[in-house]
Amino acid sequence: MRPPEFVYPGHPVVIGVCIMRKYASLSEAEEKGRHSPAALEDSDIPGAGGCVYTALACINHALDRSIDEAVAVAGSSWASCDDQKERYPARWADGVDGAMALEPEYRRRLAEWGAA
């Protein structure tokens, strides 16, 4: 389900929260669907395909390295997506605001999934 904090094409933190709300683990979210990872084919997970892949990669990053690094990667990815920080600054700012609103939940859920 698309949360009110979602701004298309999708900040990886916001999409990541949607993924972690729906799936019990990263392996379940990455399990092959018909053609792609389950989370990518799931209509409950909002966002452009590349942004869903990025959200999965950020979750992976958190599990392999650290939550802080994953949040930083997510922010960099959002800024560079469609070069929106420069070309669409209002959309970029709205996405940052949405991600900041969900960041505590993102961090909590990542910790529950085993991230440090």
N, C-alpha and C. Protein backbone atom coordinates (compact mmCIF):
# COMPACT_ATOMS: atom_id res chain seq x y z
N MET A 1 0.84 -1.17 0.00
CA MET A 1 0.00 0.00 0.00
C MET A 1 0.89 1.25 0.00
N ARG A 2 0.53 2.22 -0.78
CA ARG A 2 1.30 3.45 -0.90
C ARG A 2 1.09 4.32 0.34
N PRO A 3 2.15 4.56 1.09
CA PRO A 3 2.01 5.43 2.28
C PRO A 3 1.91 6.90 1.86
N PRO A 4 1.34 7.74 2.71
CA PRO A 4 1.22 9.16 2.35
C PRO A 4 2.57 9.84 2.14
N GLU A 5 3.64 9.27 2.68
CA GLU A 5 4.97 9.86 2.53
C GLU A 5 5.59 9.57 1.16
N PHE A 6 4.94 8.75 0.34
CA PHE A 6 5.51 8.34 -0.95
C PHE A 6 5.44 9.47 -1.97
N VAL A 7 6.56 9.69 -2.64
CA VAL A 7 6.66 10.63 -3.76
C VAL A 7 7.27 9.85 -4.91
N TYR A 8 6.58 9.82 -6.05
CA TYR A 8 7.09 9.09 -7.22
C TYR A 8 8.38 9.75 -7.72
N PRO A 9 9.36 8.99 -8.12
CA PRO A 9 9.39 7.56 -8.38
C PRO A 9 9.71 6.69 -7.17
N GLY A 10 9.98 7.29 -6.03
CA GLY A 10 10.12 6.52 -4.80
C GLY A 10 11.47 6.60 -4.13
N HIS A 11 11.51 7.22 -2.96
CA HIS A 11 12.73 7.27 -2.15
C HIS A 11 12.98 5.87 -1.60
N PRO A 12 14.21 5.38 -1.66
CA PRO A 12 14.50 4.02 -1.20
C PRO A 12 14.14 3.77 0.27
N VAL A 13 14.18 4.77 1.11
CA VAL A 13 13.78 4.57 2.51
C VAL A 13 12.28 4.30 2.59
N VAL A 14 11.49 5.06 1.87
CA VAL A 14 10.03 4.89 1.89
C VAL A 14 9.66 3.54 1.29
N ILE A 15 10.24 3.22 0.14
CA ILE A 15 9.97 1.91 -0.48
C ILE A 15 10.46 0.78 0.43
N GLY A 16 11.62 0.98 1.06
CA GLY A 16 12.16 -0.02 1.97
C GLY A 16 11.21 -0.31 3.12
N VAL A 17 10.60 0.73 3.67
CA VAL A 17 9.62 0.52 4.74
C VAL A 17 8.45 -0.31 4.22
N CYS A 18 7.97 0.01 3.03
CA CYS A 18 6.87 -0.77 2.44
C CYS A 18 7.26 -2.24 2.29
N ILE A 19 8.47 -2.48 1.82
CA ILE A 19 8.96 -3.85 1.66
C ILE A 19 9.01 -4.56 3.01
N MET A 20 9.56 -3.89 4.01
CA MET A 20 9.72 -4.53 5.33
C MET A 20 8.38 -4.69 6.05
N ARG A 21 7.41 -3.87 5.73
CA ARG A 21 6.07 -4.06 6.30
C ARG A 21 5.41 -5.30 5.71
N LYS A 22 5.69 -5.59 4.46
CA LYS A 22 5.01 -6.67 3.74
C LYS A 22 5.71 -8.02 3.87
N TYR A 23 7.03 -8.02 3.86
CA TYR A 23 7.80 -9.27 3.82
C TYR A 23 8.49 -9.54 5.15
N ALA A 24 8.65 -10.80 5.47
CA ALA A 24 9.27 -11.21 6.73
C ALA A 24 10.79 -11.13 6.68
N SER A 25 11.36 -11.12 5.47
CA SER A 25 12.82 -11.10 5.34
C SER A 25 13.20 -10.58 3.96
N LEU A 26 14.47 -10.22 3.82
CA LEU A 26 14.97 -9.79 2.52
C LEU A 26 14.90 -10.94 1.52
N SER A 27 15.23 -12.14 1.96
CA SER A 27 15.20 -13.27 1.03
C SER A 27 13.78 -13.49 0.49
N GLU A 28 12.78 -13.28 1.31
CA GLU A 28 11.40 -13.41 0.84
C GLU A 28 11.07 -12.31 -0.17
N ALA A 29 11.52 -11.09 0.09
CA ALA A 29 11.26 -9.97 -0.82
C ALA A 29 12.00 -10.14 -2.14
N GLU A 30 13.16 -10.80 -2.10
CA GLU A 30 13.97 -11.00 -3.30
C GLU A 30 13.66 -12.31 -4.02
N GLU A 31 12.80 -13.14 -3.42
CA GLU A 31 12.44 -14.41 -4.03
C GLU A 31 11.89 -14.16 -5.43
N LYS A 32 12.27 -15.00 -6.36
CA LYS A 32 11.87 -14.79 -7.75
C LYS A 32 10.37 -14.92 -7.92
N GLY A 33 9.80 -13.88 -8.53
CA GLY A 33 8.40 -13.92 -8.93
C GLY A 33 8.34 -14.52 -10.32
N ARG A 34 7.41 -14.06 -11.13
CA ARG A 34 7.33 -14.57 -12.51
C ARG A 34 8.57 -14.20 -13.30
N HIS A 35 9.00 -12.93 -13.16
CA HIS A 35 10.13 -12.45 -13.95
C HIS A 35 11.17 -11.70 -13.13
N SER A 36 10.81 -11.26 -11.96
CA SER A 36 11.64 -10.36 -11.16
C SER A 36 11.49 -10.72 -9.69
N PRO A 37 12.24 -10.03 -8.81
CA PRO A 37 12.03 -10.25 -7.38
C PRO A 37 10.58 -9.99 -6.98
N ALA A 38 10.11 -10.72 -6.00
CA ALA A 38 8.71 -10.61 -5.56
C ALA A 38 8.32 -9.17 -5.25
N ALA A 39 9.18 -8.44 -4.55
CA ALA A 39 8.85 -7.07 -4.18
C ALA A 39 8.64 -6.18 -5.40
N LEU A 40 9.35 -6.45 -6.46
CA LEU A 40 9.22 -5.65 -7.68
C LEU A 40 7.90 -5.92 -8.38
N GLU A 41 7.41 -7.14 -8.29
CA GLU A 41 6.16 -7.52 -8.96
C GLU A 41 4.93 -7.29 -8.07
N ASP A 42 5.14 -6.88 -6.84
CA ASP A 42 4.08 -6.75 -5.85
C ASP A 42 3.38 -5.39 -5.98
N SER A 43 2.10 -5.41 -6.23
CA SER A 43 1.36 -4.15 -6.38
C SER A 43 1.24 -3.37 -5.07
N ASP A 44 1.54 -4.01 -3.95
CA ASP A 44 1.55 -3.31 -2.66
C ASP A 44 2.82 -2.49 -2.45
N ILE A 45 3.83 -2.71 -3.28
CA ILE A 45 5.10 -1.99 -3.15
C ILE A 45 5.12 -0.89 -4.21
N PRO A 46 5.06 0.38 -3.77
CA PRO A 46 5.01 1.47 -4.75
C PRO A 46 6.40 1.77 -5.31
N GLY A 47 6.42 2.46 -6.43
CA GLY A 47 7.68 2.97 -6.96
C GLY A 47 8.03 2.44 -8.33
N ALA A 48 8.87 3.20 -9.00
CA ALA A 48 9.41 2.77 -10.28
C ALA A 48 10.30 1.55 -10.06
N GLY A 49 10.42 0.72 -11.08
CA GLY A 49 11.18 -0.52 -10.94
C GLY A 49 12.60 -0.32 -10.45
N GLY A 50 13.29 0.64 -11.04
CA GLY A 50 14.67 0.90 -10.62
C GLY A 50 14.76 1.35 -9.19
N CYS A 51 13.77 2.07 -8.73
CA CYS A 51 13.76 2.54 -7.33
C CYS A 51 13.48 1.40 -6.36
N VAL A 52 12.65 0.44 -6.77
CA VAL A 52 12.41 -0.74 -5.93
C VAL A 52 13.69 -1.56 -5.84
N TYR A 53 14.38 -1.74 -6.96
CA TYR A 53 15.67 -2.43 -6.93
C TYR A 53 16.64 -1.71 -6.00
N THR A 54 16.66 -0.38 -6.06
CA THR A 54 17.56 0.39 -5.20
C THR A 54 17.19 0.20 -3.73
N ALA A 55 15.90 0.18 -3.43
CA ALA A 55 15.46 -0.04 -2.05
C ALA A 55 15.92 -1.40 -1.55
N LEU A 56 15.82 -2.43 -2.39
CA LEU A 56 16.31 -3.75 -2.01
C LEU A 56 17.82 -3.73 -1.80
N ALA A 57 18.53 -3.02 -2.66
CA ALA A 57 19.99 -2.92 -2.51
C ALA A 57 20.36 -2.20 -1.23
N CYS A 58 19.60 -1.18 -0.87
CA CYS A 58 19.88 -0.45 0.38
C CYS A 58 19.63 -1.32 1.60
N ILE A 59 18.58 -2.13 1.56
CA ILE A 59 18.34 -3.07 2.65
C ILE A 59 19.50 -4.05 2.74
N ASN A 60 19.92 -4.56 1.61
CA ASN A 60 21.08 -5.46 1.56
C ASN A 60 22.31 -4.78 2.15
N HIS A 61 22.51 -3.52 1.79
CA HIS A 61 23.65 -2.74 2.27
C HIS A 61 23.61 -2.64 3.80
N ALA A 62 22.43 -2.39 4.33
CA ALA A 62 22.28 -2.28 5.78
C ALA A 62 22.62 -3.60 6.47
N LEU A 63 22.18 -4.70 5.87
CA LEU A 63 22.43 -6.01 6.47
C LEU A 63 23.90 -6.40 6.37
N ASP A 64 24.55 -6.00 5.28
CA ASP A 64 25.96 -6.35 5.07
C ASP A 64 26.93 -5.38 5.73
N ARG A 65 26.55 -4.13 5.84
CA ARG A 65 27.46 -3.11 6.35
C ARG A 65 26.87 -2.39 7.55
N SER A 66 26.09 -1.34 7.29
CA SER A 66 25.48 -0.61 8.41
C SER A 66 24.24 0.14 7.96
N ILE A 67 23.37 0.37 8.92
CA ILE A 67 22.15 1.12 8.65
C ILE A 67 22.49 2.55 8.23
N ASP A 68 23.44 3.17 8.92
CA ASP A 68 23.82 4.55 8.57
C ASP A 68 24.27 4.66 7.12
N GLU A 69 25.09 3.71 6.68
CA GLU A 69 25.56 3.72 5.29
C GLU A 69 24.39 3.52 4.33
N ALA A 70 23.47 2.64 4.68
CA ALA A 70 22.31 2.39 3.82
C ALA A 70 21.46 3.64 3.68
N VAL A 71 21.26 4.36 4.77
CA VAL A 71 20.49 5.61 4.73
C VAL A 71 21.20 6.63 3.84
N ALA A 72 22.51 6.72 3.95
CA ALA A 72 23.28 7.65 3.12
C ALA A 72 23.19 7.26 1.64
N VAL A 73 23.30 5.99 1.34
CA VAL A 73 23.18 5.52 -0.05
C VAL A 73 21.78 5.82 -0.58
N ALA A 74 20.77 5.60 0.24
CA ALA A 74 19.39 5.88 -0.18
C ALA A 74 19.22 7.36 -0.51
N GLY A 75 19.77 8.23 0.32
CA GLY A 75 19.67 9.66 0.07
C GLY A 75 20.39 10.09 -1.20
N SER A 76 21.56 9.54 -1.43
CA SER A 76 22.31 9.84 -2.66
C SER A 76 21.56 9.35 -3.89
N SER A 77 21.00 8.16 -3.78
CA SER A 77 20.26 7.60 -4.89
C SER A 77 19.04 8.46 -5.22
N TRP A 78 18.33 8.88 -4.19
CA TRP A 78 17.15 9.73 -4.40
C TRP A 78 17.54 11.04 -5.07
N ALA A 79 18.62 11.65 -4.66
CA ALA A 79 19.06 12.93 -5.25
C ALA A 79 19.42 12.76 -6.71
N SER A 80 20.01 11.63 -7.07
CA SER A 80 20.47 11.44 -8.45
C SER A 80 19.40 10.85 -9.36
N CYS A 81 18.35 10.27 -8.79
CA CYS A 81 17.28 9.69 -9.59
C CYS A 81 16.64 10.78 -10.46
N ASP A 82 16.70 10.59 -11.75
CA ASP A 82 16.19 11.60 -12.71
C ASP A 82 16.86 12.95 -12.53
N ASP A 83 18.03 12.97 -11.88
CA ASP A 83 18.74 14.23 -11.60
C ASP A 83 17.80 15.24 -10.93
N GLN A 84 16.92 14.70 -10.08
CA GLN A 84 15.84 15.53 -9.56
C GLN A 84 16.26 16.59 -8.56
N LYS A 85 17.36 16.38 -7.86
CA LYS A 85 17.77 17.42 -6.92
C LYS A 85 18.01 18.73 -7.66
N GLU A 86 18.51 18.63 -8.89
CA GLU A 86 18.77 19.82 -9.70
C GLU A 86 17.57 20.19 -10.57
N ARG A 87 16.95 19.18 -11.20
CA ARG A 87 15.90 19.44 -12.17
C ARG A 87 14.51 19.59 -11.57
N TYR A 88 14.25 18.88 -10.47
CA TYR A 88 12.93 18.89 -9.82
C TYR A 88 13.09 19.07 -8.32
N PRO A 89 13.62 20.21 -7.89
CA PRO A 89 13.95 20.37 -6.47
C PRO A 89 12.76 20.24 -5.52
N ALA A 90 11.58 20.63 -5.95
CA ALA A 90 10.42 20.50 -5.06
C ALA A 90 10.09 19.02 -4.84
N ARG A 91 10.12 18.22 -5.91
CA ARG A 91 9.87 16.79 -5.78
C ARG A 91 10.95 16.14 -4.93
N TRP A 92 12.20 16.52 -5.16
CA TRP A 92 13.30 15.98 -4.37
C TRP A 92 13.08 16.28 -2.89
N ALA A 93 12.74 17.53 -2.57
CA ALA A 93 12.53 17.94 -1.16
C ALA A 93 11.36 17.19 -0.54
N ASP A 94 10.27 17.02 -1.30
CA ASP A 94 9.12 16.28 -0.78
C ASP A 94 9.50 14.83 -0.47
N GLY A 95 10.31 14.23 -1.34
CA GLY A 95 10.77 12.87 -1.11
C GLY A 95 11.66 12.75 0.11
N VAL A 96 12.53 13.74 0.30
CA VAL A 96 13.39 13.77 1.49
C VAL A 96 12.53 13.89 2.74
N ASP A 97 11.53 14.75 2.71
CA ASP A 97 10.64 14.91 3.87
C ASP A 97 9.93 13.60 4.20
N GLY A 98 9.43 12.92 3.17
CA GLY A 98 8.76 11.63 3.39
C GLY A 98 9.70 10.59 3.98
N ALA A 99 10.93 10.57 3.45
CA ALA A 99 11.91 9.61 3.97
C ALA A 99 12.28 9.92 5.41
N MET A 100 12.43 11.19 5.72
CA MET A 100 12.77 11.57 7.10
C MET A 100 11.66 11.17 8.06
N ALA A 101 10.41 11.28 7.61
CA ALA A 101 9.28 10.90 8.46
C ALA A 101 9.28 9.40 8.76
N LEU A 102 9.74 8.60 7.80
CA LEU A 102 9.75 7.14 7.98
C LEU A 102 11.09 6.57 8.41
N GLU A 103 12.13 7.41 8.49
CA GLU A 103 13.45 6.89 8.82
C GLU A 103 13.52 6.16 10.16
N PRO A 104 12.85 6.65 11.22
CA PRO A 104 12.90 5.86 12.47
C PRO A 104 12.33 4.45 12.30
N GLU A 105 11.24 4.32 11.58
CA GLU A 105 10.68 2.99 11.34
C GLU A 105 11.62 2.16 10.47
N TYR A 106 12.22 2.78 9.47
CA TYR A 106 13.18 2.10 8.59
C TYR A 106 14.32 1.52 9.41
N ARG A 107 14.89 2.34 10.27
CA ARG A 107 16.00 1.89 11.11
C ARG A 107 15.56 0.77 12.06
N ARG A 108 14.39 0.90 12.64
CA ARG A 108 13.90 -0.10 13.57
C ARG A 108 13.67 -1.43 12.86
N ARG A 109 13.05 -1.37 11.72
CA ARG A 109 12.78 -2.61 10.97
C ARG A 109 14.06 -3.26 10.47
N LEU A 110 15.02 -2.46 10.02
CA LEU A 110 16.31 -3.02 9.61
C LEU A 110 16.99 -3.72 10.78
N ALA A 111 16.93 -3.12 11.94
CA ALA A 111 17.52 -3.75 13.13
C ALA A 111 16.81 -5.07 13.44
N GLU A 112 15.49 -5.09 13.28
CA GLU A 112 14.75 -6.32 13.50
C GLU A 112 15.12 -7.40 12.49
N TRP A 113 15.53 -6.99 11.30
CA TRP A 113 15.95 -7.93 10.26
C TRP A 113 17.42 -8.32 10.45
N GLY A 114 18.09 -7.75 11.43
CA GLY A 114 19.45 -8.17 11.74
C GLY A 114 20.54 -7.21 11.35
N ALA A 115 20.19 -6.00 10.91
CA ALA A 115 21.20 -5.01 10.54
C ALA A 115 21.80 -4.37 11.78
N ALA A 116 23.04 -3.87 11.61
CA ALA A 116 23.71 -3.21 12.73
C ALA A 116 23.81 -1.72 12.48
